[in-house]
Protein backbone atom coordinates (compact mmCIF):
# COMPACT_ATOMS: atom_id res chain seq x y z
CA MET A 1 119.53 82.52 125.09
CA PHE A 2 121.12 79.73 127.14
CA ARG A 3 124.66 78.66 127.98
CA ILE A 4 125.64 75.21 126.67
CA ASN A 5 128.62 72.96 126.18
CA ARG A 6 129.58 73.08 122.52
CA ASP A 7 126.51 72.23 120.34
CA LEU A 8 124.83 70.23 123.14
CA CYS A 9 121.18 71.11 122.69
CA CYS A 10 118.35 69.24 120.99
CA PHE A 11 114.59 68.91 120.73
CA SER A 12 112.79 65.75 121.77
CA THR A 13 111.37 63.55 119.01
CA SER A 14 107.84 64.72 119.88
CA GLY A 15 108.91 68.37 119.76
CA LYS A 16 107.55 68.91 123.27
CA TYR A 17 110.85 69.37 125.11
CA PHE A 18 114.16 71.14 124.54
CA ALA A 19 117.27 69.89 126.35
CA THR A 20 120.51 71.78 126.97
CA ALA A 21 123.74 70.66 128.66
CA HIS A 22 126.06 73.10 130.42
CA GLN A 23 129.08 71.73 132.27
CA GLN A 24 127.62 68.89 134.42
CA GLU A 25 124.02 70.12 134.33
CA LEU A 26 121.25 68.85 132.04
CA ILE A 27 118.19 71.09 131.79
CA VAL A 28 114.95 70.05 130.09
CA ARG A 29 112.64 72.89 129.03
CA ASP A 30 109.10 73.15 127.72
CA CYS A 31 109.28 74.15 124.05
CA ARG A 32 106.30 76.52 124.28
CA THR A 33 107.52 78.60 127.21
CA LEU A 34 111.22 77.56 127.43
CA GLU A 35 110.70 77.28 131.19
CA SER A 36 112.68 74.59 133.00
CA VAL A 37 110.76 71.33 133.55
CA GLN A 38 113.51 69.10 134.96
CA THR A 39 117.16 69.50 135.95
CA PHE A 40 119.61 66.60 136.22
CA SER A 41 123.24 66.44 137.38
CA PHE A 42 125.84 64.35 135.55
CA GLN A 43 128.96 63.07 137.33
CA ASP A 44 131.32 64.82 134.89
CA VAL A 45 131.27 67.34 132.06
CA ILE A 46 128.63 66.31 129.52
CA GLU A 47 130.18 65.71 126.08
CA TYR A 48 127.23 64.10 124.29
CA LEU A 49 123.45 64.46 124.51
CA ASP A 50 120.65 62.62 122.70
CA TRP A 51 116.91 61.96 123.12
CA SER A 52 115.57 58.45 122.87
CA PRO A 53 113.31 57.60 119.88
CA GLY A 54 110.30 57.63 122.20
CA GLY A 55 111.18 61.06 123.56
CA GLN A 56 110.99 60.09 127.26
CA LEU A 57 114.63 59.24 128.01
CA ILE A 58 117.81 61.29 127.60
CA LEU A 59 121.28 59.86 127.06
CA CYS A 60 124.26 61.82 128.40
CA ALA A 61 127.86 60.71 128.01
CA ASN A 62 131.40 61.66 128.82
CA ILE A 63 133.28 60.18 125.87
CA LYS A 64 136.77 60.57 127.34
CA LYS A 65 135.92 58.61 130.49
CA GLY A 66 133.57 56.15 128.77
CA VAL A 67 130.59 56.89 131.03
CA ILE A 68 126.93 56.90 129.92
CA GLN A 69 123.99 57.97 132.05
CA VAL A 70 120.30 57.82 131.13
CA TYR A 71 117.58 60.03 132.67
CA SER A 72 113.79 59.80 132.51
CA ILE A 73 111.33 62.68 132.14
CA LYS A 74 108.40 60.73 133.59
CA HIS A 75 110.42 59.32 136.49
CA PRO A 76 113.04 61.96 137.45
CA LYS A 77 114.44 59.89 140.34
CA TRP A 78 115.25 56.95 138.05
CA LYS A 79 118.60 56.83 136.28
CA CYS A 80 120.84 54.25 134.67
CA LYS A 81 124.64 54.34 134.53
CA LEU A 82 126.76 52.42 132.00
CA THR A 83 130.56 52.23 131.82
CA GLN A 84 132.45 51.24 128.68
CA GLY A 85 135.55 49.95 130.47
CA SER A 86 139.22 49.81 129.49
CA CYS A 87 138.52 49.78 125.73
CA GLY A 88 137.38 53.40 125.87
CA MET A 89 134.48 54.88 123.96
CA GLU A 90 134.40 56.63 120.60
CA ARG A 91 130.67 57.40 120.48
CA ALA A 92 127.30 56.28 121.88
CA PHE A 93 123.78 56.43 120.45
CA TRP A 94 120.29 55.03 120.86
CA GLY A 95 119.06 51.88 119.19
CA PRO A 96 115.77 51.82 117.25
CA ASP A 97 113.71 52.15 120.45
CA ASP A 98 113.99 53.19 124.10
CA ARG A 99 115.20 49.74 125.16
CA SER A 100 118.77 49.75 123.91
CA ILE A 101 121.91 51.88 123.73
CA LEU A 102 124.85 51.24 121.41
CA SER A 103 128.44 52.32 122.05
CA ILE A 104 131.55 51.92 119.91
CA SER A 105 134.92 51.40 121.58
CA ASP A 106 138.09 53.23 120.62
CA LEU A 107 139.62 52.12 117.32
CA ASN A 108 136.32 50.35 116.49
CA ILE A 109 137.49 47.28 118.43
CA HIS A 110 133.92 46.25 119.19
CA LEU A 111 130.31 47.41 119.38
CA SER A 112 128.53 47.15 122.73
CA ILE A 113 124.74 46.87 122.91
CA TRP A 114 123.19 47.64 126.29
CA THR A 115 119.58 46.48 126.85
CA LEU A 116 117.97 48.59 129.58
CA ASP A 117 114.98 46.44 130.50
CA ASP A 118 116.82 43.15 131.12
CA HIS A 119 120.34 44.58 131.73
CA ASN A 120 121.92 42.40 129.05
CA LEU A 121 125.17 43.33 127.29
CA THR A 122 125.91 42.08 123.77
CA ASN A 123 129.24 42.65 122.03
CA ILE A 124 129.90 42.50 118.30
CA TRP A 125 133.59 42.09 117.45
CA SER A 126 135.80 42.57 114.38
CA LEU A 127 134.17 45.75 113.06
CA LYS A 128 135.92 47.13 110.02
CA SER A 129 137.73 50.10 111.57
CA SER A 130 138.73 51.68 108.25
CA ALA A 131 135.11 52.03 107.04
CA PRO A 132 133.63 55.46 107.89
CA GLN A 133 130.08 54.08 107.68
CA SER A 134 130.50 50.61 109.17
CA ILE A 135 127.23 50.62 111.15
CA ALA A 136 123.68 51.36 110.01
CA LEU A 137 120.45 51.18 112.02
CA ASN A 138 117.21 50.15 110.32
CA ILE A 139 114.66 51.80 112.60
CA PRO A 140 111.41 50.90 110.72
CA GLN A 141 112.31 47.19 110.41
CA ARG A 142 114.23 46.99 113.72
CA GLN A 143 117.52 45.77 112.26
CA LEU A 144 121.20 46.59 112.62
CA SER A 145 123.79 46.05 109.89
CA VAL A 146 127.53 46.11 110.55
CA ILE A 147 130.61 45.61 108.37
CA VAL A 148 132.79 42.82 109.74
CA SER A 149 136.35 42.21 108.58
CA LYS A 150 138.43 39.12 109.37
CA LYS A 151 141.64 37.91 107.73
CA GLY A 152 141.35 40.41 104.91
CA ARG A 153 137.77 39.49 103.99
CA ASP A 154 134.70 41.73 104.49
CA TRP A 155 131.03 40.86 104.89
CA ILE A 156 127.79 42.29 106.29
CA GLU A 157 126.09 40.97 109.42
CA ILE A 158 122.42 41.86 110.03
CA TYR A 159 121.00 41.62 113.56
CA GLU A 160 117.37 41.63 114.70
CA THR A 161 117.17 44.32 117.41
CA ASN A 162 114.49 42.72 119.63
CA THR A 163 116.87 39.93 120.61
CA TRP A 164 120.12 41.23 119.06
CA LYS A 165 120.71 37.88 117.40
CA LEU A 166 122.42 37.44 114.05
CA THR A 167 119.85 36.75 111.31
CA ARG A 168 121.73 37.28 108.02
CA LYS A 169 125.25 37.25 106.60
CA LEU A 170 125.85 38.97 103.27
CA MET A 171 129.17 37.99 101.72
CA CYS A 172 129.05 40.48 98.78
CA ASP A 173 131.61 38.61 96.68
CA LYS A 174 131.09 41.01 93.77
CA LEU A 175 132.70 43.83 95.77
CA PHE A 176 136.47 44.29 96.08
CA GLY A 177 135.86 45.36 99.69
CA ILE A 178 133.06 46.89 101.75
CA ASP A 179 133.47 50.51 102.83
CA GLY A 180 129.96 51.60 103.77
CA VAL A 181 126.33 50.60 104.38
CA CYS A 182 123.16 52.69 104.46
CA TRP A 183 119.49 51.68 104.91
CA SER A 184 116.69 53.31 102.91
CA PRO A 185 114.16 55.38 104.93
CA ASN A 186 111.53 52.61 104.90
CA GLY A 187 114.12 50.04 105.93
CA GLU A 188 113.51 47.68 103.01
CA LEU A 189 116.71 48.36 101.01
CA LEU A 190 120.34 48.34 102.07
CA ALA A 191 123.01 50.09 100.01
CA ILE A 192 126.46 48.44 100.24
CA TRP A 193 129.46 49.91 98.46
CA CYS A 194 133.16 49.71 97.77
CA SER A 195 134.89 53.11 97.66
CA THR A 196 138.11 52.18 95.86
CA ILE A 197 138.38 54.27 92.69
CA GLU A 198 139.47 51.41 90.42
CA ASN A 199 136.87 48.98 91.82
CA SER A 200 134.04 51.27 92.99
CA ARG A 201 130.68 49.55 92.94
CA LEU A 202 127.39 49.77 94.83
CA LEU A 203 125.04 46.85 95.51
CA VAL A 204 121.45 47.08 96.76
CA TYR A 205 120.08 44.34 99.01
CA SER A 206 116.34 43.92 99.69
CA SER A 207 115.30 42.71 103.14
CA VAL A 208 111.86 41.85 101.67
CA THR A 209 113.08 39.43 98.99
CA ASP A 210 116.30 38.61 100.87
CA SER A 211 118.36 39.11 97.71
CA HIS A 212 120.47 41.62 95.83
CA ILE A 213 118.17 43.54 93.47
CA GLY A 214 120.41 46.19 91.91
CA ALA A 215 123.93 47.44 91.29
CA PHE A 216 125.64 50.63 90.15
CA SER A 217 129.18 50.99 88.85
CA GLY A 218 130.74 54.41 88.36
CA GLY A 219 133.24 53.19 85.79
CA ASP A 220 130.68 52.57 83.04
CA ARG A 221 130.27 55.75 80.99
CA GLU A 222 126.83 54.86 79.70
CA LYS A 223 125.51 54.30 83.21
CA ASN A 224 126.22 57.83 84.36
CA GLY A 225 123.04 59.07 82.74
CA PRO A 226 122.26 62.46 81.23
CA THR A 227 124.21 65.48 82.38
CA ASN A 228 122.96 68.91 83.31
CA GLY A 229 124.90 70.80 80.66
CA ILE A 230 126.58 73.15 83.12
CA THR A 231 129.92 72.51 81.44
CA LYS A 232 130.81 71.21 78.02
CA SER A 233 133.45 68.92 79.48
CA LEU A 234 130.94 67.28 81.79
CA GLN A 235 130.00 64.85 79.05
CA GLU A 236 133.48 63.36 79.36
CA LYS A 237 133.43 63.02 83.15
CA ASN A 238 132.63 59.87 85.10
CA ILE A 239 132.27 59.53 88.84
CA LYS A 240 135.51 58.30 90.41
CA GLY A 241 135.11 56.19 93.51
CA ILE A 242 132.26 56.33 96.04
CA ASP A 243 132.77 58.66 98.97
CA LYS A 244 129.22 59.08 100.32
CA VAL A 245 125.77 57.62 99.71
CA VAL A 246 122.54 59.39 100.73
CA TRP A 247 118.94 58.21 100.31
CA SER A 248 116.14 60.64 99.45
CA PRO A 249 113.36 60.93 102.10
CA GLU A 250 111.02 58.72 100.09
CA GLY A 251 113.76 56.21 99.23
CA GLN A 252 113.18 56.51 95.48
CA LEU A 253 116.51 58.20 94.74
CA LEU A 254 120.07 57.54 95.83
CA ALA A 255 122.70 60.30 95.67
CA ILE A 256 126.23 58.93 95.18
CA VAL A 257 129.20 61.26 95.77
CA GLY A 258 132.54 60.59 94.10
CA TYR A 259 136.05 61.79 94.88
CA ASN A 260 136.23 63.98 91.77
CA GLU A 261 133.57 66.63 92.52
CA MET A 262 130.94 64.46 90.82
CA ILE A 263 127.51 63.54 92.16
CA VAL A 264 125.13 61.15 90.44
CA VAL A 265 121.52 60.48 91.40
CA VAL A 266 120.35 56.90 90.86
CA ASN A 267 116.71 55.79 90.62
CA TYR A 268 115.39 52.78 92.52
CA VAL A 269 113.84 51.03 89.51
CA THR A 270 116.75 50.50 87.11
CA TRP A 271 119.59 51.56 89.45
CA THR A 272 121.08 53.77 86.76
CA ALA A 273 121.87 57.47 87.06
CA ILE A 274 119.16 59.90 85.93
CA VAL A 275 121.09 63.15 86.50
CA SER A 276 124.69 64.11 87.25
CA LEU A 277 126.31 67.20 88.73
CA TYR A 278 129.92 68.36 88.56
CA CYS A 279 130.83 70.94 91.22
CA ASP A 280 132.56 73.23 88.75
CA PRO A 281 134.52 76.15 90.29
CA VAL A 282 133.28 78.35 87.43
CA ILE A 283 129.65 79.34 86.84
CA ARG A 284 129.90 79.52 83.08
CA GLU A 285 128.23 81.44 80.29
CA GLY A 286 124.94 79.92 79.27
CA ASN A 287 124.21 78.74 82.80
CA TYR A 288 121.21 80.99 83.47
CA LEU A 289 118.68 78.46 84.72
CA GLY A 290 119.99 78.70 88.25
CA LYS A 291 120.37 81.86 90.33
CA VAL A 292 123.45 83.17 92.07
CA PHE A 293 123.02 85.00 95.39
CA LYS A 294 125.86 86.87 97.09
CA GLU A 295 126.16 87.97 100.70
CA ILE A 296 125.74 91.70 101.34
CA GLU A 297 126.68 93.97 104.21
CA VAL A 298 123.90 94.10 106.80
CA LYS A 299 123.47 96.87 109.34
CA ARG A 300 123.78 95.40 112.80
CA ARG A 301 120.88 95.79 115.23
CA ASP A 302 121.25 97.47 118.62
CA TRP A 303 120.93 94.71 121.20
CA ALA A 304 121.92 96.88 124.17
CA ALA A 305 118.35 97.02 125.50
CA HIS A 306 118.26 93.21 125.67
CA ILE A 307 121.75 92.57 126.99
CA ASP A 308 120.54 90.94 130.24
CA SER A 309 117.40 89.32 128.88
CA LEU A 310 116.91 85.63 128.12
CA SER A 311 113.77 86.42 126.11
CA LEU A 312 114.42 88.39 122.92
CA PRO A 313 112.05 90.06 120.46
CA ASP A 314 110.59 87.44 118.11
CA HIS A 315 111.22 89.58 115.04
CA HIS A 316 113.80 89.16 112.30
CA ILE A 317 114.56 91.85 109.77
CA LYS A 318 115.32 90.01 106.54
CA HIS A 319 117.56 91.46 103.83
CA LYS A 320 117.59 90.24 100.23
CA MET A 321 120.91 88.86 99.10
CA GLN A 322 122.42 90.32 95.95
CA GLU A 323 121.51 88.39 92.81
CA ILE A 324 124.32 88.26 90.23
CA ASN A 325 123.29 87.93 86.61
CA GLU A 326 126.57 88.27 84.72
CA ARG A 327 128.55 85.19 83.72
CA PRO A 328 131.11 83.68 84.07
CA ILE A 329 131.64 83.77 87.83
CA ASN A 330 134.66 82.24 89.52
CA ILE A 331 133.88 80.49 92.80
CA GLU A 332 136.38 81.30 95.53
CA ILE A 333 138.78 78.47 96.33
CA ASP A 334 140.18 77.87 99.81
CA ILE A 335 143.85 78.38 99.00
CA LYS A 336 144.94 77.92 102.64
CA PRO A 337 142.80 75.00 103.80
CA ILE A 338 142.79 75.66 107.53
CA ASN A 339 139.15 74.64 107.87
CA TRP A 340 139.62 70.95 107.12
CA ASN A 341 142.16 68.32 107.97
CA VAL A 342 142.07 65.75 105.17
CA THR A 343 144.44 64.51 102.50
CA ILE A 344 141.87 64.80 99.69
CA ALA A 345 139.38 67.67 99.60
CA ALA A 346 135.91 66.28 99.04
CA ILE A 347 132.21 67.05 99.26
CA ASP A 348 131.64 66.98 103.02
CA THR A 349 127.97 67.99 103.17
CA ILE A 350 125.09 66.71 101.05
CA GLU A 351 121.48 66.80 102.28
CA PHE A 352 118.14 66.13 100.60
CA SER A 353 115.26 68.51 101.20
CA PRO A 354 112.17 67.00 102.90
CA CYS A 355 110.36 66.90 99.55
CA GLY A 356 113.30 65.07 97.94
CA ARG A 357 113.53 67.53 95.04
CA PHE A 358 116.58 69.54 96.16
CA LEU A 359 120.10 68.69 97.28
CA ALA A 360 122.19 71.11 99.36
CA ILE A 361 125.93 70.61 98.81
CA ARG A 362 129.18 71.97 100.23
CA HIS A 363 132.68 71.15 98.98
CA GLN A 364 135.78 71.54 101.16
CA LEU A 365 137.69 73.29 98.36
CA TYR A 366 134.98 75.95 98.10
CA PRO A 367 134.00 76.36 101.76
CA ALA A 368 132.10 79.65 101.34
CA THR A 369 129.76 78.31 98.61
CA VAL A 370 126.53 76.29 98.82
CA TRP A 371 125.18 74.47 95.76
CA ILE A 372 121.39 73.93 95.81
CA TRP A 373 120.58 71.42 93.08
CA ASP A 374 117.04 71.18 91.71
CA LEU A 375 116.79 67.55 90.56
CA MET A 376 113.52 68.03 88.66
CA ASP A 377 114.61 71.01 86.54
CA ASP A 378 118.29 69.97 86.69
CA CYS A 379 119.62 73.41 87.58
CA VAL A 380 121.63 74.84 90.46
CA ASP A 381 121.24 77.89 92.70
CA TYR A 382 124.38 79.18 94.40
CA LEU A 383 124.91 80.98 97.70
CA LEU A 384 128.25 82.83 97.73
CA LEU A 385 129.18 83.85 101.28
CA LYS A 386 132.09 85.79 102.75
CA ASN A 387 132.98 83.22 105.42
CA SER A 388 133.22 79.44 105.39
CA VAL A 389 129.92 77.61 105.67
CA SER A 390 129.68 76.00 109.12
CA GLY A 391 126.15 74.56 109.01
CA ILE A 392 123.46 73.57 106.49
CA SER A 393 120.02 72.42 107.64
CA TRP A 394 116.64 71.87 105.95
CA GLU A 395 113.42 72.59 107.83
CA PRO A 396 111.77 69.19 108.54
CA ILE A 397 108.36 70.10 107.08
CA LYS A 398 108.79 72.90 104.53
CA THR A 399 111.34 73.33 101.76
CA ARG A 400 113.42 75.94 103.55
CA LEU A 401 117.20 75.87 103.91
CA LEU A 402 119.18 77.68 106.62
CA VAL A 403 122.92 78.25 106.25
CA SER A 404 125.39 79.53 108.86
CA SER A 405 128.96 80.74 108.38
CA GLU A 406 130.40 81.23 111.88
CA SER A 407 129.08 84.80 111.82
CA SER A 408 126.06 86.55 113.25
CA LEU A 409 124.21 86.28 109.92
CA ILE A 410 121.85 83.47 109.00
CA PHE A 411 121.06 82.83 105.34
CA GLU A 412 117.70 81.53 104.17
CA TRP A 413 116.88 79.95 100.81
CA ARG A 414 113.47 78.88 99.47
CA PRO A 415 112.45 77.76 95.97
CA ARG A 416 111.51 80.49 93.49
CA LYS A 417 112.13 83.26 96.03
CA PRO A 418 115.06 85.60 96.59
CA ALA A 419 117.57 84.34 99.14
CA THR A 420 117.64 86.44 102.31
CA SER A 421 119.78 86.95 105.38
CA PHE A 422 118.98 88.08 108.92
CA GLU A 423 120.95 88.62 112.11
CA SER A 424 120.98 86.19 115.00
CA PRO A 425 119.85 87.36 118.47
CA LYS A 426 122.49 89.44 120.25
CA ALA A 427 124.70 89.01 117.16
CA MET A 428 125.61 85.48 118.28
CA LYS A 429 128.00 83.62 115.99
CA VAL A 430 126.05 80.64 114.64
CA LEU A 431 127.75 77.32 113.89
CA ASN A 432 124.75 75.12 113.11
CA PHE A 433 121.03 74.52 113.67
CA LYS A 434 118.70 72.08 115.41
CA TRP A 435 115.09 72.14 114.17
CA ASN A 436 112.02 71.28 116.17
CA PRO A 437 110.49 68.19 114.44
CA GLN A 438 107.35 70.24 113.64
CA GLY A 439 109.42 72.98 111.97
CA GLU A 440 109.36 76.80 112.26
CA ILE A 441 111.15 76.70 115.65
CA VAL A 442 114.92 76.30 115.43
CA ALA A 443 117.77 76.35 117.94
CA LEU A 444 120.82 78.32 116.83
CA GLN A 445 124.03 76.67 118.03
CA GLY A 446 126.97 78.85 118.95
CA TYR A 447 130.34 78.07 120.52
CA ASN A 448 128.96 77.98 124.07
CA LYS A 449 125.40 79.24 123.82
CA THR A 450 122.13 78.58 122.06
CA SER A 451 119.14 80.69 121.13
CA VAL A 452 115.68 79.37 120.19
CA ILE A 453 113.88 81.41 117.54
CA ARG A 454 110.73 81.11 115.46
CA ILE A 455 110.99 81.64 111.71
CA GLY A 456 107.78 82.60 109.92
CA ASP A 457 107.07 82.97 106.22
């Protein structure tokens, strides 16, 4: 167990190293032994930490002061310092390779691109500040797409990341406005959408054919596809607006989230919905295809013998969650929404499993519930917890879902098996997870500490 600044720990892309940041200190550890390999000192408190795509460089940043520093594992004495300047910095992240770093200024005034090998700085101005997803990196094809807005008109600019020169402009005249962009996993397709409820529409652009190849509109009833029969009224529901768009790992499906608790999954051939899900607050009679698991009281372990130890027993006692068979079941609503600060409660978490068959979903109105949607059988499993869900994470290799709820319990779900729960080391309150890219090893993130554990079958 290691002390960290809030959630600042991560595995390298190769899975060989594990980095933690505590105050001004960056420590890189060997994943097999968790022994320290390198230690670096930052000039201020570290507020952001990220490995480069190649896994040899580490980016540290102090967002408030607009300072970025890069360290090398192979060459510990080398370091690179970047300063954002008077515009401030909202966030920083790596480009598609180890050559470049991107940073966004406060209020999305501009995007800065720092090239490490030739020390060039490129600025992209007039980003659309009101778009939550205004920037998308295409790592396989080495491209960057940004939403640009000038004089009330929006368009997409696509840059080639080897030279950072503009190669394409997409005007998207069929959209009322542009509110988000998202590349497919193979980098060949770009989803572009307008979120406005009355004019919601999604276009798909192909970088291979250099043309728009598909479109989806939530307002057309016939395009919403078959429903899953969870509620009788679902047949009358259409998706309203486009809040989020998520590609499946293989890029063959596109999950579109509306503002009215609706999710539709679109296929990449006809660009029409094949299944739909309404996050109903009632699990109704006749809905017996999916299973409902409820959190149970778990006897706490005695950690007194390990109170001063960094190395803890690699053993987790798993407890089966209670399966509820009676129907209907009312899902608990967050009457006093202290856990979110938004004007409209919406689906804030939606993640595909590595196999692309399952979707894990959390809605802000029902913060203690996780929907696990089986797209092939079109049924839903539910996890009903006592506390608000704070983290949802799929294992990168296997179809295994971990859920945390700001408590010492971790909840595990796998297909066709009972859901289980087990206690975190030293009863640490877990907020989220960071998986090793090879799976089975996961870092539990607490408020100011992390613990690395191995989860077997």
